[in-house]
C-alpha atoms as a PDB file:
ATOM      1  CA  MET A   1      78.891 132.966 107.674  1.00  0.00           C
ATOM      2  CA  GLN A   2      80.737 130.273 105.825  1.00  0.00           C
ATOM      3  CA  ILE A   3      78.668 128.390 103.279  1.00  0.00           C
ATOM      4  CA  THR A   4      79.463 124.712 102.981  1.00  0.00           C
ATOM      5  CA  LEU A   5      78.062 122.060 100.694  1.00  0.00           C
ATOM      6  CA  GLU A   6      76.513 120.344 103.710  1.00  0.00           C
ATOM      7  CA  THR A   7      74.848 123.602 104.839  1.00  0.00           C
ATOM      8  CA  LEU A   8      73.480 124.226 101.360  1.00  0.00           C
ATOM      9  CA  ARG A   9      72.161 120.709 100.875  1.00  0.00           C
ATOM     10  CA  SER A  10      70.605 120.600 104.336  1.00  0.00           C
ATOM     11  CA  LEU A  11      68.842 123.937 103.835  1.00  0.00           C
ATOM     12  CA  LEU A  12      67.510 123.023 100.401  1.00  0.00           C
ATOM     13  CA  ARG A  13      66.378 119.540 101.458  1.00  0.00           C
ATOM     14  CA  ASN A  14      64.662 120.927 104.544  1.00  0.00           C
ATOM     15  CA  THR A  15      62.865 123.454 102.345  1.00  0.00           C
ATOM     16  CA  PHE A  16      62.042 121.374  99.263  1.00  0.00           C
ATOM     17  CA  GLY A  17      61.851 117.955 100.902  1.00  0.00           C
ATOM     18  CA  ARG A  18      64.333 115.223 101.705  1.00  0.00           C
ATOM     19  CA  ASN A  19      63.993 113.615  98.267  1.00  0.00           C
ATOM     20  CA  SER A  20      64.486 116.863  96.367  1.00  0.00           C
ATOM     21  CA  PHE A  21      67.031 116.692  93.582  1.00  0.00           C
ATOM     22  CA  ILE A  22      67.599 120.472  93.603  1.00  0.00           C
ATOM     23  CA  ALA A  23      70.354 120.259  96.195  1.00  0.00           C
ATOM     24  CA  SER A  24      72.375 118.049  93.849  1.00  0.00           C
ATOM     25  CA  PHE A  25      72.763 120.845  91.265  1.00  0.00           C
ATOM     26  CA  VAL A  26      75.564 122.338  93.353  1.00  0.00           C
ATOM     27  CA  THR A  27      78.666 120.154  93.151  1.00  0.00           C
ATOM     28  CA  SER A  28      81.083 122.287  95.168  1.00  0.00           C
ATOM     29  CA  ILE A  29      81.289 125.557  97.088  1.00  0.00           C
ATOM     30  CA  GLN A  30      84.298 127.808  97.311  1.00  0.00           C
ATOM     31  CA  PRO A  31      84.746 131.173  99.039  1.00  0.00           C
ATOM     32  CA  SER A  32      86.366 133.556  96.572  1.00  0.00           C
ATOM     33  CA  PRO A  33      87.261 137.184  97.328  1.00  0.00           C
ATOM     34  CA  GLN A  34      87.637 137.693  93.550  1.00  0.00           C
ATOM     35  CA  CYS A  35      83.905 137.033  93.075  1.00  0.00           C
ATOM     36  CA  SER A  36      81.946 140.254  93.613  1.00  0.00           C
ATOM     37  CA  THR A  37      78.816 138.575  95.036  1.00  0.00           C
ATOM     38  CA  ALA A  38      78.095 134.928  94.202  1.00  0.00           C
ATOM     39  CA  SER A  39      78.137 132.859  91.044  1.00  0.00           C
ATOM     40  CA  ILE A  40      77.591 129.359  89.785  1.00  0.00           C
ATOM     41  CA  ASN A  41      79.025 127.824  86.652  1.00  0.00           C
ATOM     42  CA  GLN A  42      77.586 125.218  84.319  1.00  0.00           C
ATOM     43  CA  ASP A  43      79.295 122.447  86.293  1.00  0.00           C
ATOM     44  CA  GLY A  44      77.504 123.416  89.510  1.00  0.00           C
ATOM     45  CA  GLU A  45      80.533 125.007  91.158  1.00  0.00           C
ATOM     46  CA  LEU A  46      79.313 127.814  93.410  1.00  0.00           C
ATOM     47  CA  GLN A  47      81.617 130.657  94.430  1.00  0.00           C
ATOM     48  CA  TYR A  48      80.797 133.429  96.856  1.00  0.00           C
ATOM     49  CA  ASN A  49      82.515 136.476  98.220  1.00  0.00           C
ATOM     50  CA  PRO A  50      82.832 136.069 102.009  1.00  0.00           C
ATOM     51  CA  SER A  51      82.534 139.845 102.556  1.00  0.00           C
ATOM     52  CA  PHE A  52      79.338 140.004 100.492  1.00  0.00           C
ATOM     53  CA  VAL A  53      77.844 137.078 102.413  1.00  0.00           C
ATOM     54  CA  GLN A  54      78.861 138.535 105.773  1.00  0.00           C
ATOM     55  CA  GLN A  55      77.179 141.832 104.894  1.00  0.00           C
ATOM     56  CA  HIS A  56      74.010 140.532 103.216  1.00  0.00           C
ATOM     57  CA  VAL A  57      73.306 137.036 104.552  1.00  0.00           C
ATOM     58  CA  GLN A  58      72.032 137.371 108.104  1.00  0.00           C
ATOM     59  CA  ASN A  59      69.885 134.239 108.430  1.00  0.00           C
ATOM     60  CA  GLU A  60      68.730 131.072 106.676  1.00  0.00           C
ATOM     61  CA  SER A  61      66.113 132.983 104.670  1.00  0.00           C
ATOM     62  CA  ASP A  62      68.782 135.241 103.194  1.00  0.00           C
ATOM     63  CA  LEU A  63      70.966 132.241 102.402  1.00  0.00           C
ATOM     64  CA  PHE A  64      68.028 130.451 100.795  1.00  0.00           C
ATOM     65  CA  CYS A  65      67.327 133.458  98.544  1.00  0.00           C
ATOM     66  CA  LEU A  66      70.966 133.672  97.484  1.00  0.00           C
ATOM     67  CA  LEU A  67      71.162 129.949  96.729  1.00  0.00           C
ATOM     68  CA  VAL A  68      67.908 129.792  94.792  1.00  0.00           C
ATOM     69  CA  HIS A  69      68.935 132.820  92.732  1.00  0.00           C
ATOM     70  CA  GLU A  70      72.207 131.131  91.776  1.00  0.00           C
ATOM     71  CA  LEU A  71      70.516 127.781  91.115  1.00  0.00           C
ATOM     72  CA  LEU A  72      68.088 129.400  88.698  1.00  0.00           C
ATOM     73  CA  HIS A  73      70.937 130.358  86.343  1.00  0.00           C
ATOM     74  CA  PRO A  74      71.644 126.771  85.224  1.00  0.00           C
ATOM     75  CA  MET A  75      67.962 125.860  85.475  1.00  0.00           C
ATOM     76  CA  PHE A  76      67.113 128.666  83.030  1.00  0.00           C
ATOM     77  CA  GLY A  77      69.964 127.704  80.695  1.00  0.00           C
ATOM     78  CA  HIS A  78      71.874 130.941  81.113  1.00  0.00           C
ATOM     79  CA  PHE A  79      75.181 129.321  80.213  1.00  0.00           C
ATOM     80  CA  VAL A  80      74.382 129.077  76.516  1.00  0.00           C
ATOM     81  CA  TYR A  81      75.202 132.788  76.197  1.00  0.00           C
ATOM     82  CA  THR A  82      78.498 134.607  76.406  1.00  0.00           C
ATOM     83  CA  HIS A  83      79.634 135.690  79.842  1.00  0.00           C
ATOM     84  CA  GLY A  84      79.696 139.472  79.496  1.00  0.00           C
ATOM     85  CA  LYS A  85      78.508 142.043  81.991  1.00  0.00           C
ATOM     86  CA  LEU A  86      75.388 142.876  79.972  1.00  0.00           C
ATOM     87  CA  GLU A  87      74.421 139.199  79.693  1.00  0.00           C
ATOM     88  CA  ASN A  88      74.836 138.781  83.451  1.00  0.00           C
ATOM     89  CA  ILE A  89      72.623 141.804  84.160  1.00  0.00           C
ATOM     90  CA  ALA A  90      69.973 140.441  81.790  1.00  0.00           C
ATOM     91  CA  ALA A  91      70.104 136.960  83.351  1.00  0.00           C
ATOM     92  CA  ASP A  92      69.871 138.417  86.873  1.00  0.00           C
ATOM     93  CA  SER A  93      66.932 140.590  85.810  1.00  0.00           C
ATOM     94  CA  ILE A  94      65.062 137.565  84.489  1.00  0.00           C
ATOM     95  CA  ILE A  95      65.610 135.647  87.717  1.00  0.00           C
ATOM     96  CA  ASN A  96      64.756 138.579  89.953  1.00  0.00           C
ATOM     97  CA  SER A  97      61.511 139.228  88.073  1.00  0.00           C
ATOM     98  CA  CYS A  98      60.486 135.584  88.575  1.00  0.00           C
ATOM     99  CA  VAL A  99      61.161 135.359  92.295  1.00  0.00           C
ATOM    100  CA  SER A 100      60.123 138.824  93.495  1.00  0.00           C
END
């Protein structure tokens, strides 16, 4: 599955409502084999590993979960910290505990 900006915005607007501003947090999407799973930076640039998505994203619900997880990083202000492995694990743990 290839994730495009149009796909993302359509899915989020269909879920949260046509007037939802959440879809605008993502400014661009780029497949990146160097990315281990998926990531978003403070500018809203989303990267994803095509192999990871092919293996773990089977339907719109899976895609929605992946997108919301990534969107919660900037919404929770996770970019004020350094970008080490431990910080990423902690940030992911916070998000996962909120959406489980």
